[in-house]
Amino acid sequence: MPFKAPRIYQKLVGKGLNHVTLFAEYTVNGVGTRAETISVKDARIIWRYFDTKGNAQAQKLIDALSEDSLTSRFDQVWGEQRTVEQRRIDDCRILDTPRPRT
């Protein structure tokens, strides 16, 4: 991005983009692939920029990400809203339970 769209890149850096990348290797159907990844924060900054420019795909993505959260997922599973203390007890119970791989 710094070389293909330098003006946009500078605007994104001004909004907090740090453009630190990592390489991830994964296998799909026996085929090894290597991909360059960016942080979730950088992805949000990029998509937010294009959302403000009227990009329909960016708007859909930002809307989808803002509607869901880990807390709302727990609420869906439990069928009720749980307090912070209740969630903390659940987290401790889950983390203290031995797993077969350990």
N, C-alpha and C. Protein backbone atom coordinates (compact mmCIF):
# COMPACT_ATOMS: atom_id res chain seq x y z
N MET A 1 0.80 -1.19 0.00
CA MET A 1 0.00 0.00 0.00
C MET A 1 0.86 1.27 0.00
N PRO A 2 2.00 1.32 0.70
CA PRO A 2 2.79 2.55 0.71
C PRO A 2 3.22 2.98 -0.70
N PHE A 3 3.40 2.01 -1.59
CA PHE A 3 3.90 2.33 -2.92
C PHE A 3 2.77 2.45 -3.95
N LYS A 4 1.69 1.71 -3.75
CA LYS A 4 0.58 1.73 -4.71
C LYS A 4 -0.35 2.91 -4.47
N ALA A 5 -0.54 3.31 -3.23
CA ALA A 5 -1.43 4.42 -2.90
C ALA A 5 -0.81 5.25 -1.78
N PRO A 6 0.27 5.97 -2.07
CA PRO A 6 0.98 6.68 -0.99
C PRO A 6 0.16 7.75 -0.27
N ARG A 7 -0.73 8.45 -0.98
CA ARG A 7 -1.52 9.49 -0.32
C ARG A 7 -2.51 8.86 0.66
N ILE A 8 -3.17 7.79 0.25
CA ILE A 8 -4.10 7.09 1.15
C ILE A 8 -3.33 6.51 2.33
N TYR A 9 -2.17 5.94 2.04
CA TYR A 9 -1.34 5.35 3.10
C TYR A 9 -0.99 6.39 4.16
N GLN A 10 -0.60 7.59 3.74
CA GLN A 10 -0.25 8.66 4.69
C GLN A 10 -1.46 9.07 5.52
N LYS A 11 -2.64 9.11 4.90
CA LYS A 11 -3.86 9.43 5.66
C LYS A 11 -4.13 8.36 6.72
N LEU A 12 -3.94 7.08 6.34
CA LEU A 12 -4.18 5.99 7.28
C LEU A 12 -3.17 5.99 8.41
N VAL A 13 -1.91 6.32 8.12
CA VAL A 13 -0.89 6.43 9.17
C VAL A 13 -1.29 7.53 10.15
N GLY A 14 -1.85 8.60 9.63
CA GLY A 14 -2.33 9.68 10.49
C GLY A 14 -3.48 9.25 11.39
N LYS A 15 -4.19 8.21 11.00
CA LYS A 15 -5.30 7.67 11.80
C LYS A 15 -4.87 6.55 12.73
N GLY A 16 -3.55 6.21 12.74
CA GLY A 16 -3.05 5.21 13.67
C GLY A 16 -2.56 3.92 13.05
N LEU A 17 -2.58 3.81 11.73
CA LEU A 17 -2.09 2.60 11.06
C LEU A 17 -0.60 2.43 11.33
N ASN A 18 -0.18 1.23 11.77
CA ASN A 18 1.25 1.02 11.99
C ASN A 18 1.85 0.06 10.96
N HIS A 19 1.02 -0.63 10.21
CA HIS A 19 1.41 -1.48 9.07
C HIS A 19 2.49 -2.50 9.43
N VAL A 20 2.38 -3.07 10.61
CA VAL A 20 3.26 -4.18 10.99
C VAL A 20 2.63 -5.44 10.42
N THR A 21 3.42 -6.20 9.67
CA THR A 21 2.89 -7.41 9.06
C THR A 21 3.62 -8.63 9.60
N LEU A 22 2.91 -9.73 9.59
CA LEU A 22 3.47 -11.03 9.96
C LEU A 22 3.12 -12.02 8.87
N PHE A 23 3.95 -13.02 8.69
CA PHE A 23 3.64 -14.05 7.72
C PHE A 23 3.06 -15.25 8.45
N ALA A 24 1.98 -15.77 7.92
CA ALA A 24 1.32 -16.94 8.48
C ALA A 24 1.36 -18.05 7.45
N GLU A 25 1.66 -19.25 7.90
CA GLU A 25 1.66 -20.41 7.02
C GLU A 25 0.55 -21.35 7.45
N TYR A 26 -0.22 -21.82 6.49
CA TYR A 26 -1.31 -22.73 6.79
C TYR A 26 -1.49 -23.71 5.64
N THR A 27 -2.19 -24.79 5.92
CA THR A 27 -2.40 -25.83 4.92
C THR A 27 -3.89 -26.02 4.69
N VAL A 28 -4.29 -26.03 3.43
CA VAL A 28 -5.68 -26.28 3.05
C VAL A 28 -5.68 -27.40 2.02
N ASN A 29 -6.36 -28.50 2.35
CA ASN A 29 -6.42 -29.67 1.46
C ASN A 29 -5.03 -30.15 1.04
N GLY A 30 -4.12 -30.13 1.97
CA GLY A 30 -2.77 -30.63 1.70
C GLY A 30 -1.85 -29.66 0.99
N VAL A 31 -2.34 -28.47 0.68
CA VAL A 31 -1.52 -27.48 -0.03
C VAL A 31 -1.09 -26.40 0.96
N GLY A 32 0.22 -26.24 1.12
CA GLY A 32 0.75 -25.23 2.01
C GLY A 32 0.67 -23.85 1.38
N THR A 33 0.27 -22.88 2.17
CA THR A 33 0.14 -21.51 1.70
C THR A 33 0.77 -20.57 2.71
N ARG A 34 1.35 -19.50 2.20
CA ARG A 34 1.93 -18.49 3.07
C ARG A 34 1.24 -17.16 2.76
N ALA A 35 0.80 -16.47 3.79
CA ALA A 35 0.07 -15.21 3.59
C ALA A 35 0.65 -14.13 4.49
N GLU A 36 0.59 -12.92 4.01
CA GLU A 36 1.00 -11.78 4.82
C GLU A 36 -0.23 -11.28 5.57
N THR A 37 -0.11 -11.09 6.87
CA THR A 37 -1.25 -10.67 7.68
C THR A 37 -0.98 -9.32 8.32
N ILE A 38 -2.06 -8.62 8.65
CA ILE A 38 -1.97 -7.36 9.37
C ILE A 38 -2.80 -7.50 10.64
N SER A 39 -2.61 -6.55 11.55
CA SER A 39 -3.35 -6.61 12.82
C SER A 39 -4.82 -6.28 12.58
N VAL A 40 -5.66 -6.71 13.51
CA VAL A 40 -7.09 -6.42 13.44
C VAL A 40 -7.31 -4.91 13.51
N LYS A 41 -6.51 -4.23 14.33
CA LYS A 41 -6.63 -2.78 14.45
C LYS A 41 -6.36 -2.11 13.10
N ASP A 42 -5.29 -2.52 12.42
CA ASP A 42 -4.98 -1.95 11.11
C ASP A 42 -6.08 -2.25 10.10
N ALA A 43 -6.62 -3.46 10.14
CA ALA A 43 -7.72 -3.81 9.23
C ALA A 43 -8.92 -2.92 9.48
N ARG A 44 -9.23 -2.66 10.75
CA ARG A 44 -10.36 -1.79 11.08
C ARG A 44 -10.12 -0.37 10.57
N ILE A 45 -8.90 0.13 10.74
CA ILE A 45 -8.57 1.49 10.28
C ILE A 45 -8.74 1.59 8.77
N ILE A 46 -8.27 0.59 8.04
CA ILE A 46 -8.38 0.58 6.58
C ILE A 46 -9.85 0.53 6.16
N TRP A 47 -10.62 -0.41 6.74
CA TRP A 47 -12.02 -0.55 6.35
C TRP A 47 -12.82 0.68 6.75
N ARG A 48 -12.52 1.28 7.89
CA ARG A 48 -13.22 2.50 8.33
C ARG A 48 -12.96 3.63 7.33
N TYR A 49 -11.73 3.75 6.84
CA TYR A 49 -11.40 4.78 5.86
C TYR A 49 -12.26 4.62 4.61
N PHE A 50 -12.34 3.39 4.09
CA PHE A 50 -13.12 3.17 2.88
C PHE A 50 -14.63 3.28 3.15
N ASP A 51 -15.05 2.99 4.39
CA ASP A 51 -16.44 3.18 4.77
C ASP A 51 -16.81 4.65 4.66
N THR A 52 -15.94 5.53 5.13
CA THR A 52 -16.22 6.97 5.07
C THR A 52 -16.19 7.50 3.63
N LYS A 53 -15.59 6.75 2.72
CA LYS A 53 -15.55 7.15 1.31
C LYS A 53 -16.73 6.59 0.53
N GLY A 54 -17.66 5.91 1.21
CA GLY A 54 -18.86 5.42 0.56
C GLY A 54 -18.74 4.04 -0.06
N ASN A 55 -17.69 3.30 0.27
CA ASN A 55 -17.52 1.95 -0.27
C ASN A 55 -18.56 1.02 0.35
N ALA A 56 -19.42 0.44 -0.49
CA ALA A 56 -20.53 -0.39 0.02
C ALA A 56 -20.05 -1.63 0.76
N GLN A 57 -19.00 -2.29 0.26
CA GLN A 57 -18.48 -3.48 0.94
C GLN A 57 -17.92 -3.11 2.31
N ALA A 58 -17.21 -1.99 2.39
CA ALA A 58 -16.66 -1.55 3.67
C ALA A 58 -17.78 -1.25 4.65
N GLN A 59 -18.85 -0.63 4.18
CA GLN A 59 -19.97 -0.32 5.06
C GLN A 59 -20.60 -1.59 5.61
N LYS A 60 -20.79 -2.60 4.77
CA LYS A 60 -21.36 -3.86 5.23
C LYS A 60 -20.47 -4.54 6.25
N LEU A 61 -19.16 -4.53 6.00
CA LEU A 61 -18.22 -5.17 6.92
C LEU A 61 -18.20 -4.47 8.27
N ILE A 62 -18.12 -3.16 8.26
CA ILE A 62 -18.10 -2.41 9.52
C ILE A 62 -19.39 -2.63 10.29
N ASP A 63 -20.53 -2.63 9.59
CA ASP A 63 -21.81 -2.88 10.26
C ASP A 63 -21.83 -4.27 10.88
N ALA A 64 -21.37 -5.27 10.15
CA ALA A 64 -21.37 -6.64 10.66
C ALA A 64 -20.48 -6.78 11.87
N LEU A 65 -19.31 -6.17 11.84
CA LEU A 65 -18.38 -6.27 12.97
C LEU A 65 -18.90 -5.53 14.19
N SER A 66 -19.59 -4.42 13.98
CA SER A 66 -20.05 -3.64 15.13
C SER A 66 -21.28 -4.25 15.78
N GLU A 67 -22.00 -5.08 15.08
CA GLU A 67 -23.20 -5.68 15.64
C GLU A 67 -22.91 -6.86 16.55
N ASP A 68 -21.76 -7.47 16.41
CA ASP A 68 -21.49 -8.68 17.16
C ASP A 68 -20.32 -8.44 18.11
N SER A 69 -20.37 -9.11 19.21
CA SER A 69 -19.27 -9.06 20.18
C SER A 69 -19.26 -10.36 20.95
N LEU A 70 -18.19 -10.60 21.64
CA LEU A 70 -18.08 -11.81 22.44
C LEU A 70 -19.15 -11.82 23.53
N THR A 71 -19.40 -10.66 24.12
CA THR A 71 -20.43 -10.58 25.16
C THR A 71 -21.80 -10.96 24.61
N SER A 72 -22.13 -10.44 23.41
CA SER A 72 -23.44 -10.77 22.85
C SER A 72 -23.53 -12.24 22.49
N ARG A 73 -22.40 -12.86 22.10
CA ARG A 73 -22.40 -14.30 21.83
C ARG A 73 -22.72 -15.08 23.09
N PHE A 74 -22.10 -14.71 24.21
CA PHE A 74 -22.39 -15.38 25.48
C PHE A 74 -23.85 -15.19 25.85
N ASP A 75 -24.36 -13.98 25.64
CA ASP A 75 -25.77 -13.72 25.95
C ASP A 75 -26.68 -14.60 25.11
N GLN A 76 -26.33 -14.82 23.84
CA GLN A 76 -27.13 -15.68 22.98
C GLN A 76 -27.12 -17.11 23.48
N VAL A 77 -25.95 -17.59 23.91
CA VAL A 77 -25.81 -18.97 24.38
C VAL A 77 -26.56 -19.16 25.70
N TRP A 78 -26.38 -18.23 26.62
CA TRP A 78 -27.00 -18.36 27.93
C TRP A 78 -28.48 -18.01 27.90
N GLY A 79 -28.92 -17.24 26.90
CA GLY A 79 -30.31 -16.82 26.83
C GLY A 79 -30.64 -15.72 27.82
N GLU A 80 -29.62 -15.11 28.37
CA GLU A 80 -29.82 -14.03 29.34
C GLU A 80 -28.55 -13.20 29.39
N GLN A 81 -28.68 -12.02 29.93
CA GLN A 81 -27.49 -11.20 30.10
C GLN A 81 -26.86 -11.54 31.44
N ARG A 82 -25.57 -11.80 31.40
CA ARG A 82 -24.87 -12.19 32.61
C ARG A 82 -24.02 -11.02 33.09
N THR A 83 -23.89 -10.90 34.40
CA THR A 83 -23.09 -9.82 34.96
C THR A 83 -21.61 -10.12 34.76
N VAL A 84 -20.80 -9.12 34.97
CA VAL A 84 -19.36 -9.29 34.85
C VAL A 84 -18.86 -10.35 35.81
N GLU A 85 -19.40 -10.36 37.02
CA GLU A 85 -18.98 -11.35 38.02
C GLU A 85 -19.33 -12.76 37.58
N GLN A 86 -20.53 -12.93 37.02
CA GLN A 86 -20.93 -14.26 36.53
C GLN A 86 -20.02 -14.72 35.40
N ARG A 87 -19.69 -13.80 34.49
CA ARG A 87 -18.79 -14.17 33.38
C ARG A 87 -17.40 -14.52 33.89
N ARG A 88 -16.94 -13.80 34.92
CA ARG A 88 -15.62 -14.07 35.49
C ARG A 88 -15.59 -15.48 36.12
N ILE A 89 -16.65 -15.84 36.82
CA ILE A 89 -16.75 -17.18 37.41
C ILE A 89 -16.74 -18.24 36.30
N ASP A 90 -17.49 -18.00 35.23
CA ASP A 90 -17.52 -18.94 34.10
C ASP A 90 -16.13 -19.07 33.46
N ASP A 91 -15.46 -17.92 33.28
CA ASP A 91 -14.13 -17.96 32.67
C ASP A 91 -13.17 -18.77 33.53
N CYS A 92 -13.20 -18.56 34.85
CA CYS A 92 -12.32 -19.30 35.74
C CYS A 92 -12.63 -20.79 35.70
N ARG A 93 -13.92 -21.12 35.69
CA ARG A 93 -14.32 -22.53 35.62
C ARG A 93 -13.81 -23.17 34.33
N ILE A 94 -13.96 -22.47 33.22
CA ILE A 94 -13.51 -23.01 31.93
C ILE A 94 -12.00 -23.15 31.91
N LEU A 95 -11.29 -22.15 32.41
CA LEU A 95 -9.82 -22.19 32.36
C LEU A 95 -9.25 -23.21 33.33
N ASP A 96 -9.96 -23.49 34.43
CA ASP A 96 -9.46 -24.45 35.42
C ASP A 96 -9.77 -25.89 35.05
N THR A 97 -10.63 -26.11 34.06
CA THR A 97 -10.99 -27.47 33.67
C THR A 97 -9.87 -28.08 32.86
N PRO A 98 -9.35 -29.25 33.28
CA PRO A 98 -8.28 -29.89 32.53
C PRO A 98 -8.74 -30.26 31.12
N ARG A 99 -7.85 -30.12 30.18
CA ARG A 99 -8.12 -30.47 28.79
C ARG A 99 -7.30 -31.71 28.43
N PRO A 100 -7.81 -32.57 27.55
CA PRO A 100 -7.08 -33.79 27.19
C PRO A 100 -5.68 -33.51 26.65
N ARG A 101 -5.53 -32.42 25.93
CA ARG A 101 -4.21 -32.12 25.33
C ARG A 101 -3.18 -31.65 26.35
N THR A 102 -3.66 -31.27 27.56
CA THR A 102 -2.71 -30.84 28.58
C THR A 102 -2.37 -32.01 29.43
